[in-house]
Each structure stands twice: as structure tokens, then as C-alpha cells.
Amino acid sequence: MKTRAECIKEYGSDYYINQMVSAGKLFRIDKGIFSETESVPELAVVCFKYPSSVITMDTAFYLYGLTDEIPDQYTLATKREATPITDPRVKQVFIPKELLNLGKTTTDYKGYSLPIFDRERMLIELIRYKSKLPFNYYKEILNNYRRILPQLNPEMIRNYAETVPKKDTVIRVLRTEVY
């Protein structure tokens, strides 16, 4: 995918960009976003459009296979000072700047590399937002986490739990409900 600015640098002007689009060598994917392939997954477009965001919560749980419930919106985390995202496809979660890169990794989604929090960080997020999630949904994801617990890094989970706000509550829930 390319921005309009990148396309202008490559092709010279909007006229030549439109010529490439008419010739079928370039495709207009979204406003100001172009691709050399006709079909681009919507999640990849959304992540490209908001490069400083990270996939989190419902979308991450679904991508990791911890739930089979397809989210209505893509949940993206941004720093607290970020401009609000008005895209109706996106549910924005504001988090402190120092927590945005904690556990940030990438995942391959249909050939596109997307920013996402790792599974250990998502376990901490699940616990932090427990009261805001439907009970059955929370239990489904928690049970799936219990199944994959041997694959997770306990050291990373402990470090994340020590870093987040309300760490005492998070650690208590980890001890009583997860381990």
C-alpha cells in the first residue's frame, strides 16, 4: 500500500496516478491510499491509515483465536494525546504513551504485517477491562488462555502486570483466576 504522497513521488502527478488507476496497474483502496493489488483486507487498510495505533482487545482476541466472535469494529489503541479517530470501522482505546509500546509486536494477516499487542499483554488487558466485558465473553477468552498457558512467557506476564495501573488488582486476578 502507498499514500498519495508516495504515489506522486513515484509517478509525478495526480494525472499519472489516475492513468495508472485507469490502466488497472494501481488501485484506489481508500481515500489517499493506493495499492498495486486489487484486494486488500480492510483491517490492513485501517492499520495503514492509522500507523501509530496498535490492534488490541476484541480484534486481537479474535486474531489470536481466543474467541470465535467476530468484532463489529476494529479496536485500535492509541496514545492518550492522539487525535480521535472518526472512522466508523474503528473503536479507539486511549492508553498512556508509556504503555503503547509495551508488548507491541506484529502479526501476519493475509500477507500484511500488522501492529498488535502480544498474547501476554492481551492477557493483562483482558484482566484490566474485565468489568467492561460481558461475563460470558470474558470467561470464554479466559478459558482459552488457560488452555494455551504453557505456550505463554510467565516472565513477560509478570513484567507487564508490574507495569500497568492497578497492578495489585491485576496480579491478584492472575493468581486467583488464571494460574
C-alpha atoms as a PDB file:
ATOM      1  CA  MET A   1       0.000   0.000   0.000  1.00  0.00           C
ATOM      2  CA  LYS A   2       1.065   3.556  -0.676  1.00  0.00           C
ATOM      3  CA  THR A   3      -0.099   7.002   0.309  1.00  0.00           C
ATOM      4  CA  ARG A   4      -0.989   9.614  -2.287  1.00  0.00           C
ATOM      5  CA  ALA A   5       2.272  11.435  -1.470  1.00  0.00           C
ATOM      6  CA  GLU A   6       4.294   8.273  -2.160  1.00  0.00           C
ATOM      7  CA  CYS A   7       2.424   7.773  -5.442  1.00  0.00           C
ATOM      8  CA  ILE A   8       3.095  11.372  -6.519  1.00  0.00           C
ATOM      9  CA  LYS A   9       6.782  10.869  -5.753  1.00  0.00           C
ATOM     10  CA  GLU A  10       6.775   7.671  -7.829  1.00  0.00           C
ATOM     11  CA  TYR A  11       4.525   8.718 -10.731  1.00  0.00           C
ATOM     12  CA  GLY A  12       4.988  12.501 -10.776  1.00  0.00           C
ATOM     13  CA  SER A  13       1.417  13.853 -10.595  1.00  0.00           C
ATOM     14  CA  ASP A  14      -2.242  13.072  -9.958  1.00  0.00           C
ATOM     15  CA  TYR A  15      -2.728  12.796 -13.722  1.00  0.00           C
ATOM     16  CA  TYR A  16      -0.261   9.885 -13.945  1.00  0.00           C
ATOM     17  CA  ILE A  17      -1.717   8.284 -10.823  1.00  0.00           C
ATOM     18  CA  ASN A  18      -5.165   8.383 -12.466  1.00  0.00           C
ATOM     19  CA  GLN A  19      -3.642   6.929 -15.653  1.00  0.00           C
ATOM     20  CA  MET A  20      -2.220   4.010 -13.621  1.00  0.00           C
ATOM     21  CA  VAL A  21      -5.608   3.525 -11.944  1.00  0.00           C
ATOM     22  CA  SER A  22      -7.380   3.556 -15.338  1.00  0.00           C
ATOM     23  CA  ALA A  23      -4.863   1.056 -16.706  1.00  0.00           C
ATOM     24  CA  GLY A  24      -5.505  -1.295 -13.787  1.00  0.00           C
ATOM     25  CA  LYS A  25      -1.895  -1.153 -12.576  1.00  0.00           C
ATOM     26  CA  LEU A  26      -2.806   0.781  -9.432  1.00  0.00           C
ATOM     27  CA  PHE A  27      -5.962   0.579  -7.312  1.00  0.00           C
ATOM     28  CA  ARG A  28      -7.558   3.240  -5.139  1.00  0.00           C
ATOM     29  CA  ILE A  29      -8.220   1.359  -1.890  1.00  0.00           C
ATOM     30  CA  ASP A  30      -9.391   4.203   0.359  1.00  0.00           C
ATOM     31  CA  LYS A  31      -9.167   7.979   0.349  1.00  0.00           C
ATOM     32  CA  GLY A  32      -5.497   8.782  -0.272  1.00  0.00           C
ATOM     33  CA  ILE A  33      -4.463   5.097  -0.172  1.00  0.00           C
ATOM     34  CA  PHE A  34      -3.419   3.106  -3.216  1.00  0.00           C
ATOM     35  CA  SER A  35      -2.287  -0.465  -3.793  1.00  0.00           C
ATOM     36  CA  GLU A  36      -0.822  -2.460  -6.637  1.00  0.00           C
ATOM     37  CA  THR A  37      -3.155  -5.326  -5.718  1.00  0.00           C
ATOM     38  CA  GLU A  38      -6.897  -5.006  -6.157  1.00  0.00           C
ATOM     39  CA  SER A  39      -7.972  -6.739  -2.966  1.00  0.00           C
ATOM     40  CA  VAL A  40      -6.590  -5.548   0.368  1.00  0.00           C
ATOM     41  CA  PRO A  41      -8.080  -6.718   3.700  1.00  0.00           C
ATOM     42  CA  GLU A  42      -9.993  -3.946   5.448  1.00  0.00           C
ATOM     43  CA  LEU A  43      -8.016  -4.442   8.679  1.00  0.00           C
ATOM     44  CA  ALA A  44      -4.748  -3.893   6.781  1.00  0.00           C
ATOM     45  CA  VAL A  45      -6.161  -0.680   5.268  1.00  0.00           C
ATOM     46  CA  VAL A  46      -7.263   0.577   8.694  1.00  0.00           C
ATOM     47  CA  CYS A  47      -3.834  -0.162  10.222  1.00  0.00           C
ATOM     48  CA  PHE A  48      -2.100   1.544   7.293  1.00  0.00           C
ATOM     49  CA  LYS A  49      -4.370   4.563   7.661  1.00  0.00           C
ATOM     50  CA  TYR A  50      -3.570   4.881  11.392  1.00  0.00           C
ATOM     51  CA  PRO A  51       0.127   3.879  11.604  1.00  0.00           C
ATOM     52  CA  SER A  52       0.661   4.945  15.228  1.00  0.00           C
ATOM     53  CA  SER A  53      -2.087   2.623  16.507  1.00  0.00           C
ATOM     54  CA  VAL A  54      -1.884  -0.956  17.791  1.00  0.00           C
ATOM     55  CA  ILE A  55      -4.530  -3.687  17.452  1.00  0.00           C
ATOM     56  CA  THR A  56      -5.981  -4.556  20.850  1.00  0.00           C
ATOM     57  CA  MET A  57      -8.949  -6.053  22.734  1.00  0.00           C
ATOM     58  CA  ASP A  58     -11.728  -7.745  20.681  1.00  0.00           C
ATOM     59  CA  THR A  59      -9.813  -7.590  17.406  1.00  0.00           C
ATOM     60  CA  ALA A  60      -6.630  -9.012  18.956  1.00  0.00           C
ATOM     61  CA  PHE A  61      -8.528 -11.752  20.813  1.00  0.00           C
ATOM     62  CA  TYR A  62     -10.158 -12.759  17.529  1.00  0.00           C
ATOM     63  CA  LEU A  63      -6.891 -12.699  15.547  1.00  0.00           C
ATOM     64  CA  TYR A  64      -5.193 -14.843  18.214  1.00  0.00           C
ATOM     65  CA  GLY A  65      -8.042 -17.365  18.053  1.00  0.00           C
ATOM     66  CA  LEU A  66      -9.073 -16.795  21.677  1.00  0.00           C
ATOM     67  CA  THR A  67     -12.671 -16.166  20.630  1.00  0.00           C
ATOM     68  CA  ASP A  68     -14.742 -17.002  17.582  1.00  0.00           C
ATOM     69  CA  GLU A  69     -16.854 -13.868  17.974  1.00  0.00           C
ATOM     70  CA  ILE A  70     -16.106 -11.561  15.037  1.00  0.00           C
ATOM     71  CA  PRO A  71     -15.871  -7.960  16.283  1.00  0.00           C
ATOM     72  CA  ASP A  72     -18.195  -5.324  14.796  1.00  0.00           C
ATOM     73  CA  GLN A  73     -15.401  -2.741  14.807  1.00  0.00           C
ATOM     74  CA  TYR A  74     -11.606  -2.897  14.747  1.00  0.00           C
ATOM     75  CA  THR A  75     -10.266  -1.959  18.173  1.00  0.00           C
ATOM     76  CA  LEU A  76      -7.099   0.138  17.994  1.00  0.00           C
ATOM     77  CA  ALA A  77      -5.061   1.518  20.875  1.00  0.00           C
ATOM     78  CA  THR A  78      -3.519   4.962  20.517  1.00  0.00           C
ATOM     79  CA  LYS A  79      -1.687   7.218  22.927  1.00  0.00           C
ATOM     80  CA  ARG A  80      -3.912   9.331  25.128  1.00  0.00           C
ATOM     81  CA  GLU A  81      -2.913  12.573  23.383  1.00  0.00           C
ATOM     82  CA  ALA A  82      -3.758  11.223  19.890  1.00  0.00           C
ATOM     83  CA  THR A  83      -6.381  12.793  17.682  1.00  0.00           C
ATOM     84  CA  PRO A  84      -9.717  10.961  17.935  1.00  0.00           C
ATOM     85  CA  ILE A  85     -10.330   8.543  15.064  1.00  0.00           C
ATOM     86  CA  THR A  86     -13.665   9.294  13.381  1.00  0.00           C
ATOM     87  CA  ASP A  87     -13.662   6.225  11.120  1.00  0.00           C
ATOM     88  CA  PRO A  88     -16.873   4.243  11.888  1.00  0.00           C
ATOM     89  CA  ARG A  89     -14.956   0.973  11.351  1.00  0.00           C
ATOM     90  CA  VAL A  90     -12.675   1.761  14.302  1.00  0.00           C
ATOM     91  CA  LYS A  91     -13.196   1.694  18.042  1.00  0.00           C
ATOM     92  CA  GLN A  92     -10.377   3.714  19.587  1.00  0.00           C
ATOM     93  CA  VAL A  93      -8.905   2.990  23.015  1.00  0.00           C
ATOM     94  CA  PHE A  94      -6.728   5.706  24.529  1.00  0.00           C
ATOM     95  CA  ILE A  95      -3.836   4.490  26.687  1.00  0.00           C
ATOM     96  CA  PRO A  96      -0.874   6.213  28.344  1.00  0.00           C
ATOM     97  CA  LYS A  97       2.017   6.852  25.960  1.00  0.00           C
ATOM     98  CA  GLU A  98       4.433   4.736  28.041  1.00  0.00           C
ATOM     99  CA  LEU A  99       2.161   1.667  27.719  1.00  0.00           C
ATOM    100  CA  LEU A 100       1.654   1.891  23.929  1.00  0.00           C
ATOM    101  CA  ASN A 101       4.858   0.046  23.022  1.00  0.00           C
ATOM    102  CA  LEU A 102       4.692  -2.394  25.939  1.00  0.00           C
ATOM    103  CA  GLY A 103       4.215  -5.814  24.337  1.00  0.00           C
ATOM    104  CA  LYS A 104       3.839  -4.366  20.840  1.00  0.00           C
ATOM    105  CA  THR A 105       4.651  -6.863  18.118  1.00  0.00           C
ATOM    106  CA  THR A 106       3.489  -7.632  14.588  1.00  0.00           C
ATOM    107  CA  THR A 107       1.337 -10.379  13.162  1.00  0.00           C
ATOM    108  CA  ASP A 108       0.979 -11.594   9.611  1.00  0.00           C
ATOM    109  CA  TYR A 109      -2.601 -11.124   8.457  1.00  0.00           C
ATOM    110  CA  LYS A 110      -3.330 -12.279   4.903  1.00  0.00           C
ATOM    111  CA  GLY A 111       0.161 -11.257   3.790  1.00  0.00           C
ATOM    112  CA  TYR A 112       0.230  -7.917   5.626  1.00  0.00           C
ATOM    113  CA  SER A 113       2.296  -7.182   8.731  1.00  0.00           C
ATOM    114  CA  LEU A 114       0.056  -5.508  11.313  1.00  0.00           C
ATOM    115  CA  PRO A 115       0.939  -3.991  14.735  1.00  0.00           C
ATOM    116  CA  ILE A 116      -0.666  -5.883  17.614  1.00  0.00           C
ATOM    117  CA  PHE A 117      -0.060  -6.467  21.313  1.00  0.00           C
ATOM    118  CA  ASP A 118       1.383  -9.909  22.090  1.00  0.00           C
ATOM    119  CA  ARG A 119      -0.721 -12.582  23.779  1.00  0.00           C
ATOM    120  CA  GLU A 120       0.860 -11.961  27.186  1.00  0.00           C
ATOM    121  CA  ARG A 121      -0.025  -8.260  27.059  1.00  0.00           C
ATOM    122  CA  MET A 122      -3.541  -9.124  25.889  1.00  0.00           C
ATOM    123  CA  LEU A 123      -3.988 -11.339  28.965  1.00  0.00           C
ATOM    124  CA  ILE A 124      -3.198  -8.296  31.113  1.00  0.00           C
ATOM    125  CA  GLU A 125      -5.614  -6.169  29.044  1.00  0.00           C
ATOM    126  CA  LEU A 126      -8.317  -8.828  29.473  1.00  0.00           C
ATOM    127  CA  ILE A 127      -7.929  -8.577  33.233  1.00  0.00           C
ATOM    128  CA  ARG A 128      -7.754  -4.763  33.232  1.00  0.00           C
ATOM    129  CA  TYR A 129     -11.001  -4.440  31.248  1.00  0.00           C
ATOM    130  CA  LYS A 130     -12.779  -7.368  32.912  1.00  0.00           C
ATOM    131  CA  SER A 131     -15.597  -5.194  34.297  1.00  0.00           C
ATOM    132  CA  LYS A 132     -16.297  -3.681  30.855  1.00  0.00           C
ATOM    133  CA  LEU A 133     -16.650  -7.030  29.071  1.00  0.00           C
ATOM    134  CA  PRO A 134     -19.715  -9.298  29.010  1.00  0.00           C
ATOM    135  CA  PHE A 135     -19.212 -12.067  31.579  1.00  0.00           C
ATOM    136  CA  ASN A 136     -19.564 -14.981  29.113  1.00  0.00           C
ATOM    137  CA  TYR A 137     -17.161 -13.344  26.671  1.00  0.00           C
ATOM    138  CA  TYR A 138     -14.606 -12.810  29.458  1.00  0.00           C
ATOM    139  CA  LYS A 139     -14.943 -16.435  30.618  1.00  0.00           C
ATOM    140  CA  GLU A 140     -14.577 -17.787  27.049  1.00  0.00           C
ATOM    141  CA  ILE A 141     -11.327 -15.891  26.496  1.00  0.00           C
ATOM    142  CA  LEU A 142     -10.006 -16.706  29.975  1.00  0.00           C
ATOM    143  CA  ASN A 143     -10.665 -20.430  29.438  1.00  0.00           C
ATOM    144  CA  ASN A 144      -8.843 -20.257  26.105  1.00  0.00           C
ATOM    145  CA  TYR A 145      -5.917 -18.532  27.846  1.00  0.00           C
ATOM    146  CA  ARG A 146      -5.804 -21.356  30.418  1.00  0.00           C
ATOM    147  CA  ARG A 147      -5.514 -23.829  27.528  1.00  0.00           C
ATOM    148  CA  ILE A 148      -2.536 -22.024  25.963  1.00  0.00           C
ATOM    149  CA  LEU A 149      -0.843 -21.103  29.271  1.00  0.00           C
ATOM    150  CA  PRO A 150       2.161 -23.439  28.669  1.00  0.00           C
ATOM    151  CA  GLN A 151       2.895 -21.525  25.420  1.00  0.00           C
ATOM    152  CA  LEU A 152       2.992 -18.125  27.164  1.00  0.00           C
ATOM    153  CA  ASN A 153       6.026 -16.483  28.748  1.00  0.00           C
ATOM    154  CA  PRO A 154       5.318 -16.124  32.514  1.00  0.00           C
ATOM    155  CA  GLU A 155       8.204 -13.665  32.932  1.00  0.00           C
ATOM    156  CA  MET A 156       6.665 -11.290  30.386  1.00  0.00           C
ATOM    157  CA  ILE A 157       3.229 -11.605  32.011  1.00  0.00           C
ATOM    158  CA  ARG A 158       4.757 -10.741  35.393  1.00  0.00           C
ATOM    159  CA  ASN A 159       6.644  -7.732  33.940  1.00  0.00           C
ATOM    160  CA  TYR A 160       3.512  -6.416  32.203  1.00  0.00           C
ATOM    161  CA  ALA A 161       1.447  -6.870  35.365  1.00  0.00           C
ATOM    162  CA  GLU A 162       4.012  -4.854  37.363  1.00  0.00           C
ATOM    163  CA  THR A 163       3.933  -2.005  34.811  1.00  0.00           C
ATOM    164  CA  VAL A 164       0.207  -1.362  34.312  1.00  0.00           C
ATOM    165  CA  PRO A 165      -2.020   0.821  36.522  1.00  0.00           C
ATOM    166  CA  LYS A 166      -3.826  -1.002  39.374  1.00  0.00           C
ATOM    167  CA  LYS A 167      -1.100  -3.642  39.333  1.00  0.00           C
ATOM    168  CA  ASP A 168      -2.169  -5.154  42.686  1.00  0.00           C
ATOM    169  CA  THR A 169      -5.617  -5.975  41.319  1.00  0.00           C
ATOM    170  CA  VAL A 170      -4.155  -7.391  38.096  1.00  0.00           C
ATOM    171  CA  ILE A 171      -1.685  -9.601  39.994  1.00  0.00           C
ATOM    172  CA  ARG A 172      -4.433 -10.834  42.347  1.00  0.00           C
ATOM    173  CA  VAL A 173      -6.696 -11.792  39.417  1.00  0.00           C
ATOM    174  CA  LEU A 174      -3.769 -13.518  37.673  1.00  0.00           C
ATOM    175  CA  ARG A 175      -3.164 -15.636  40.795  1.00  0.00           C
ATOM    176  CA  THR A 176      -6.799 -16.469  41.514  1.00  0.00           C
ATOM    177  CA  GLU A 177      -8.329 -16.861  38.044  1.00  0.00           C
ATOM    178  CA  VAL A 178      -5.535 -17.703  35.624  1.00  0.00           C
ATOM    179  CA  TYR A 179      -2.869 -19.813  37.385  1.00  0.00           C
END
